[in-house]
Protein backbone atom coordinates (compact mmCIF):
# COMPACT_ATOMS: atom_id res chain seq x y z
CA MET A 1 55.43 70.35 -11.60
CA THR A 2 51.86 71.61 -11.87
CA PRO A 3 49.73 70.51 -8.92
CA ARG A 4 46.85 68.13 -9.48
CA TYR A 5 43.65 68.59 -7.47
CA ALA A 6 41.04 66.04 -6.39
CA LEU A 7 37.73 67.81 -5.77
CA ASP A 8 35.87 66.69 -2.66
CA THR A 9 32.12 66.17 -2.65
CA ASP A 10 31.44 69.48 -0.92
CA ILE A 11 33.20 71.40 -3.70
CA LEU A 12 31.11 69.83 -6.45
CA SER A 13 27.93 70.13 -4.37
CA ASN A 14 28.66 73.80 -3.76
CA VAL A 15 28.36 74.65 -7.44
CA THR A 16 24.81 73.25 -7.53
CA LYS A 17 23.57 75.63 -4.86
CA THR A 18 21.26 78.47 -5.78
CA VAL A 19 24.02 80.81 -4.61
CA PRO A 20 27.39 79.02 -4.82
CA SER A 21 30.30 80.31 -2.80
CA PRO A 22 32.02 83.09 -4.78
CA ALA A 23 35.36 81.99 -3.30
CA VAL A 24 34.86 78.41 -4.51
CA LEU A 25 33.85 79.60 -7.98
CA ARG A 26 36.82 81.98 -8.18
CA TRP A 27 39.21 79.23 -7.12
CA LEU A 28 37.81 76.74 -9.66
CA GLU A 29 37.87 79.32 -12.47
CA SER A 30 41.50 80.18 -11.69
CA GLN A 31 42.66 76.58 -12.20
CA ASP A 32 43.74 74.90 -15.40
CA PRO A 33 40.85 72.46 -16.04
CA GLY A 34 43.37 69.71 -16.82
CA THR A 35 44.57 69.82 -13.20
CA LEU A 36 41.11 69.10 -11.74
CA PHE A 37 40.18 65.50 -10.95
CA VAL A 38 37.47 63.66 -9.05
CA ALA A 39 37.43 60.31 -7.24
CA THR A 40 34.86 57.74 -8.27
CA PHE A 41 33.74 57.68 -4.64
CA THR A 42 33.02 61.42 -4.76
CA LEU A 43 30.71 60.82 -7.70
CA ALA A 44 29.08 57.98 -5.78
CA GLU A 45 28.45 60.26 -2.79
CA ILE A 46 26.78 62.85 -5.00
CA GLU A 47 24.69 60.23 -6.76
CA ARG A 48 23.62 58.78 -3.40
CA GLY A 49 22.48 62.26 -2.38
CA ILE A 50 20.42 62.50 -5.56
CA PHE A 51 18.84 59.07 -4.93
CA GLN A 52 17.95 60.15 -1.38
CA CYS A 53 16.32 63.37 -2.56
CA PRO A 54 12.52 63.08 -2.77
CA ALA A 55 10.95 63.24 -6.23
CA GLY A 56 10.35 66.80 -7.28
CA LYS A 57 11.94 69.87 -8.87
CA LYS A 58 15.13 69.75 -6.83
CA ARG A 59 15.85 66.10 -7.63
CA THR A 60 15.00 66.62 -11.30
CA ALA A 61 17.39 69.58 -11.48
CA LEU A 62 20.16 67.63 -9.72
CA GLU A 63 19.71 64.65 -12.04
CA ALA A 64 19.79 66.93 -15.10
CA TRP A 65 23.04 68.47 -13.86
CA PHE A 66 24.73 65.24 -12.73
CA TYR A 67 23.88 63.14 -15.79
CA GLY A 68 23.98 66.02 -18.28
CA ALA A 69 26.64 67.73 -20.36
CA ASP A 70 27.45 70.19 -17.54
CA GLY A 71 27.75 67.50 -14.88
CA PRO A 72 30.97 66.24 -13.33
CA ARG A 73 31.01 62.96 -15.24
CA GLN A 74 31.13 64.88 -18.54
CA ILE A 75 33.21 67.89 -17.50
CA LEU A 76 35.79 65.69 -15.75
CA ALA A 77 35.72 62.83 -18.27
CA GLY A 78 39.18 61.31 -18.48
CA ARG A 79 40.01 62.74 -15.05
CA ILE A 80 37.89 60.43 -12.88
CA LEU A 81 40.15 58.55 -10.48
CA PRO A 82 39.33 54.96 -9.45
CA PHE A 83 39.72 53.42 -6.03
CA ASP A 84 42.09 50.70 -7.18
CA GLN A 85 44.61 48.45 -5.39
CA PHE A 86 47.18 51.27 -5.20
CA ALA A 87 44.58 53.56 -3.60
CA ALA A 88 43.52 50.72 -1.29
CA THR A 89 47.09 50.46 0.02
CA HIS A 90 47.11 54.21 0.68
CA TRP A 91 43.75 53.88 2.43
CA ALA A 92 45.07 51.11 4.71
CA ARG A 93 48.09 53.23 5.66
CA ILE A 94 46.03 56.38 6.27
CA MET A 95 43.51 54.50 8.40
CA ALA A 96 46.25 52.76 10.40
CA GLU A 97 47.99 56.08 11.08
CA GLY A 98 44.70 57.58 12.24
CA ALA A 99 44.01 54.70 14.63
CA THR A 100 46.40 56.12 17.25
CA GLY A 101 44.94 59.63 17.18
CA ARG A 102 41.55 61.00 16.28
CA PRO A 103 39.70 58.31 14.33
CA ARG A 104 39.28 59.08 10.65
CA SER A 105 36.15 58.64 8.58
CA ALA A 106 36.62 55.56 6.41
CA THR A 107 34.57 57.11 3.60
CA ASP A 108 36.44 60.44 3.60
CA MET A 109 39.69 58.52 3.61
CA ILE A 110 38.67 56.68 0.43
CA VAL A 111 38.71 60.09 -1.27
CA ALA A 112 41.99 60.95 0.49
CA ALA A 113 43.62 57.67 -0.53
CA THR A 114 42.46 58.01 -4.13
CA ALA A 115 43.97 61.51 -4.18
CA ALA A 116 47.22 60.29 -2.61
CA ALA A 117 47.50 57.39 -5.06
CA ASN A 118 47.22 59.86 -7.92
CA ASP A 119 49.49 62.61 -6.53
CA CYS A 120 46.60 65.02 -5.98
CA VAL A 121 45.93 67.66 -3.35
CA VAL A 122 42.41 67.33 -1.91
CA VAL A 123 40.27 70.43 -2.46
CA THR A 124 37.69 70.59 0.32
CA LEU A 125 35.74 72.89 2.58
CA ASN A 126 36.05 70.27 5.36
CA GLU A 127 39.69 70.69 6.35
CA ARG A 128 39.30 68.82 9.63
CA HIS A 129 38.21 65.66 7.78
CA PHE A 130 41.46 65.47 5.81
CA ARG A 131 44.02 67.35 7.95
CA GLY A 132 47.03 65.21 8.73
CA ALA A 133 46.08 62.54 6.22
CA VAL A 134 46.86 64.19 2.87
CA PRO A 135 47.80 67.60 1.47
CA LEU A 136 44.72 69.79 1.15
CA ILE A 137 43.51 73.20 0.12
CA ASN A 138 40.37 75.05 1.14
CA PRO A 139 39.25 77.60 -1.48
CA LEU A 140 37.66 79.69 1.29
CA THR A 141 41.03 80.26 2.95
CA ALA A 142 43.38 79.90 -0.03
CA SER A 143 45.24 83.06 -0.89
């Protein structure tokens, strides 16, 4: 079975940088686009970042990207994963399991639970946020 990947916020944000990570770009370009997904919460995190950005060139450029034809909502249309009741059950389990060890970020675990509910591997640069909760891959260390 072909793996399915849920892109974390830091992966999508990376491509908007003036100089994106070559490793991230190589990894993304090597994937079948149909295997790439995004959680609704990831889109919300990016949009929140845009709303928090002061008015100016940077915010205008981010808005043009996010809401435009090259933005994640268009490129990943049909592959945007909701946080539904099934994902909520995964979230409850992941959070309960994390209660006995190192506490987990509730917001990161919404992305993790959405990925788990949809049989996706989380693609992130923040391995420590997701380690032990769900399968993950870091394009910087992937071989």
